[in-house]
C-alpha atoms as a PDB file:
ATOM      1  CA  UNK A   1      88.539  96.755  94.314  1.00  0.00           C
ATOM      2  CA  UNK A   2      87.830  94.582  91.281  1.00  0.00           C
ATOM      3  CA  UNK A   3      90.591  92.946  89.323  1.00  0.00           C
ATOM      4  CA  UNK A   4      91.029  94.055  85.720  1.00  0.00           C
ATOM      5  CA  UNK A   5      89.908  91.153  83.521  1.00  0.00           C
ATOM      6  CA  UNK A   6      92.374  91.875  80.727  1.00  0.00           C
ATOM      7  CA  UNK A   7      95.522  89.895  81.372  1.00  0.00           C
ATOM      8  CA  UNK A   8      94.060  87.929  84.266  1.00  0.00           C
ATOM      9  CA  UNK A   9      94.372  84.151  84.432  1.00  0.00           C
ATOM     10  CA  UNK A  10      91.875  81.630  85.721  1.00  0.00           C
ATOM     11  CA  UNK A  11      92.782  79.047  88.341  1.00  0.00           C
ATOM     12  CA  UNK A  12      90.658  76.564  90.269  1.00  0.00           C
ATOM     13  CA  UNK A  13      91.621  75.906  93.878  1.00  0.00           C
ATOM     14  CA  UNK A  14      89.688  73.305  95.881  1.00  0.00           C
ATOM     15  CA  UNK A  15      86.804  73.468  93.415  1.00  0.00           C
ATOM     16  CA  UNK A  16      86.467  77.279  93.454  1.00  0.00           C
ATOM     17  CA  UNK A  17      87.407  79.408  90.443  1.00  0.00           C
ATOM     18  CA  UNK A  18      89.638  82.435  90.968  1.00  0.00           C
ATOM     19  CA  UNK A  19      91.256  84.977  88.670  1.00  0.00           C
ATOM     20  CA  UNK A  20      94.767  86.224  89.288  1.00  0.00           C
ATOM     21  CA  UNK A  21      96.817  88.922  87.655  1.00  0.00           C
ATOM     22  CA  UNK A  22     100.433  89.932  87.730  1.00  0.00           C
ATOM     23  CA  UNK A  23     101.171  93.544  86.925  1.00  0.00           C
ATOM     24  CA  UNK A  24     102.701  93.663  83.433  1.00  0.00           C
ATOM     25  CA  UNK A  25     104.973  96.624  84.021  1.00  0.00           C
ATOM     26  CA  UNK A  26     106.882  96.959  87.283  1.00  0.00           C
ATOM     27  CA  UNK A  27     106.409  99.905  89.586  1.00  0.00           C
ATOM     28  CA  UNK A  28     109.467 102.169  89.876  1.00  0.00           C
ATOM     29  CA  UNK A  29     110.544 100.391  93.049  1.00  0.00           C
ATOM     30  CA  UNK A  30     110.033  96.954  91.481  1.00  0.00           C
ATOM     31  CA  UNK A  31     111.864  98.036  88.318  1.00  0.00           C
ATOM     32  CA  UNK A  32     114.940  98.812  90.389  1.00  0.00           C
ATOM     33  CA  UNK A  33     114.409  95.580  92.381  1.00  0.00           C
ATOM     34  CA  UNK A  34     114.035  97.551  95.597  1.00  0.00           C
ATOM     35  CA  UNK A  35     110.717  95.846  96.293  1.00  0.00           C
ATOM     36  CA  UNK A  36     109.403  92.394  95.337  1.00  0.00           C
ATOM     37  CA  UNK A  37     106.852  91.361  92.763  1.00  0.00           C
ATOM     38  CA  UNK A  38     103.181  91.300  93.786  1.00  0.00           C
ATOM     39  CA  UNK A  39     100.049  89.840  92.249  1.00  0.00           C
ATOM     40  CA  UNK A  40      96.341  90.006  92.964  1.00  0.00           C
ATOM     41  CA  UNK A  41      93.706  87.258  93.236  1.00  0.00           C
ATOM     42  CA  UNK A  42      89.919  87.374  93.464  1.00  0.00           C
ATOM     43  CA  UNK A  43      87.112  84.871  93.269  1.00  0.00           C
ATOM     44  CA  UNK A  44      85.980  84.604  89.630  1.00  0.00           C
ATOM     45  CA  UNK A  45      82.210  84.317  90.078  1.00  0.00           C
ATOM     46  CA  UNK A  46      81.570  86.669  92.988  1.00  0.00           C
ATOM     47  CA  UNK A  47      84.481  89.051  93.348  1.00  0.00           C
ATOM     48  CA  UNK A  48      84.723  90.727  96.710  1.00  0.00           C
ATOM     49  CA  UNK A  49      87.818  91.106  98.841  1.00  0.00           C
ATOM     50  CA  UNK A  50      90.988  91.032  96.747  1.00  0.00           C
ATOM     51  CA  UNK A  51      94.009  89.035  97.893  1.00  0.00           C
ATOM     52  CA  UNK A  52      97.328  90.833  97.310  1.00  0.00           C
ATOM     53  CA  UNK A  53     100.344  88.531  97.496  1.00  0.00           C
ATOM     54  CA  UNK A  54     103.856  89.896  97.912  1.00  0.00           C
ATOM     55  CA  UNK A  55     106.378  87.362  96.637  1.00  0.00           C
ATOM     56  CA  UNK A  56     110.032  86.882  97.518  1.00  0.00           C
ATOM     57  CA  UNK A  57     111.123  87.458  93.901  1.00  0.00           C
ATOM     58  CA  UNK A  58     111.968  90.566  91.896  1.00  0.00           C
ATOM     59  CA  UNK A  59     109.534  91.512  89.125  1.00  0.00           C
ATOM     60  CA  UNK A  60     110.233  89.637  85.883  1.00  0.00           C
ATOM     61  CA  UNK A  61     110.588  92.942  84.004  1.00  0.00           C
ATOM     62  CA  UNK A  62     112.986  94.566  86.455  1.00  0.00           C
ATOM     63  CA  UNK A  63     115.289  97.051  84.764  1.00  0.00           C
ATOM     64  CA  UNK A  64     118.585  95.917  86.229  1.00  0.00           C
ATOM     65  CA  UNK A  65     118.552  92.301  85.089  1.00  0.00           C
ATOM     66  CA  UNK A  66     118.052  90.646  88.475  1.00  0.00           C
ATOM     67  CA  UNK A  67     117.335  86.947  88.152  1.00  0.00           C
ATOM     68  CA  UNK A  68     113.834  85.896  89.086  1.00  0.00           C
ATOM     69  CA  UNK A  69     111.603  82.867  89.197  1.00  0.00           C
ATOM     70  CA  UNK A  70     108.240  83.220  87.463  1.00  0.00           C
ATOM     71  CA  UNK A  71     104.987  83.172  89.404  1.00  0.00           C
ATOM     72  CA  UNK A  72     103.567  79.719  88.704  1.00  0.00           C
ATOM     73  CA  UNK A  73      99.942  78.630  89.023  1.00  0.00           C
ATOM     74  CA  UNK A  74     101.032  76.169  91.720  1.00  0.00           C
ATOM     75  CA  UNK A  75     102.419  79.093  93.769  1.00  0.00           C
ATOM     76  CA  UNK A  76      99.192  81.027  93.301  1.00  0.00           C
ATOM     77  CA  UNK A  77      97.132  78.013  94.410  1.00  0.00           C
ATOM     78  CA  UNK A  78      99.312  77.582  97.503  1.00  0.00           C
ATOM     79  CA  UNK A  79      98.974  81.290  98.349  1.00  0.00           C
ATOM     80  CA  UNK A  80      95.185  81.112  97.972  1.00  0.00           C
ATOM     81  CA  UNK A  81      95.004  78.092 100.298  1.00  0.00           C
ATOM     82  CA  UNK A  82      97.248  79.802 102.865  1.00  0.00           C
ATOM     83  CA  UNK A  83      95.256  83.049 102.718  1.00  0.00           C
ATOM     84  CA  UNK A  84      91.984  81.163 103.165  1.00  0.00           C
ATOM     85  CA  UNK A  85      93.502  79.401 106.174  1.00  0.00           C
ATOM     86  CA  UNK A  86      94.593  82.797 107.554  1.00  0.00           C
ATOM     87  CA  UNK A  87      91.094  84.247 107.273  1.00  0.00           C
ATOM     88  CA  UNK A  88      90.743  85.683 103.773  1.00  0.00           C
ATOM     89  CA  UNK A  89      87.068  85.727 102.816  1.00  0.00           C
ATOM     90  CA  UNK A  90      87.024  86.256  99.038  1.00  0.00           C
ATOM     91  CA  UNK A  91      83.266  86.928  98.808  1.00  0.00           C
ATOM     92  CA  UNK A  92      83.237  89.546 101.585  1.00  0.00           C
ATOM     93  CA  UNK A  93      83.490  93.221 100.791  1.00  0.00           C
ATOM     94  CA  UNK A  94      86.227  95.350 102.238  1.00  0.00           C
ATOM     95  CA  UNK A  95      89.863  96.259 101.922  1.00  0.00           C
ATOM     96  CA  UNK A  96      92.360  93.962 100.281  1.00  0.00           C
ATOM     97  CA  UNK A  97      93.761  91.044 102.263  1.00  0.00           C
ATOM     98  CA  UNK A  98      97.583  91.141 102.187  1.00  0.00           C
ATOM     99  CA  UNK A  99      99.688  87.992 102.228  1.00  0.00           C
ATOM    100  CA  UNK A 100     103.368  88.821 102.634  1.00  0.00           C
ATOM    101  CA  UNK A 101     105.705  86.050 101.467  1.00  0.00           C
ATOM    102  CA  UNK A 102     108.699  88.329 100.952  1.00  0.00           C
ATOM    103  CA  UNK A 103     110.810  87.195 103.913  1.00  0.00           C
ATOM    104  CA  UNK A 104     113.612  85.915 101.645  1.00  0.00           C
ATOM    105  CA  UNK A 105     113.594  88.915  99.274  1.00  0.00           C
ATOM    106  CA  UNK A 106     116.855  90.840  99.057  1.00  0.00           C
ATOM    107  CA  UNK A 107     116.552  94.370  97.742  1.00  0.00           C
ATOM    108  CA  UNK A 108     119.034  95.458  95.088  1.00  0.00           C
ATOM    109  CA  UNK A 109     119.780  98.532  97.205  1.00  0.00           C
ATOM    110  CA  UNK A 110     121.140  96.291  99.955  1.00  0.00           C
ATOM    111  CA  UNK A 111     123.474  94.485  97.533  1.00  0.00           C
ATOM    112  CA  UNK A 112     125.239  97.661  96.367  1.00  0.00           C
END
């Protein structure tokens, strides 16, 4: 699955260029802050296996006004390094590699 170029951002991690993209509009579940924000990363020059990172933050455009911290390039770089350490091979073909960092996420449905 290739990443849509429009809206993607370039980042260099350990000398390798990647593109990452945060979904502009939240999914229904993210809009209600029932599920956390996710973003996708792929190698810029030879896209292959996409990295999908699940954060511990609500989506920035959630509909209920939950506070959030933005996804920073430093967080993306750290996630890329961790995923590579865990076996993500960005130039290989195949299904997306999922990195779940949502352990501290609290759903809005559990705060009602």
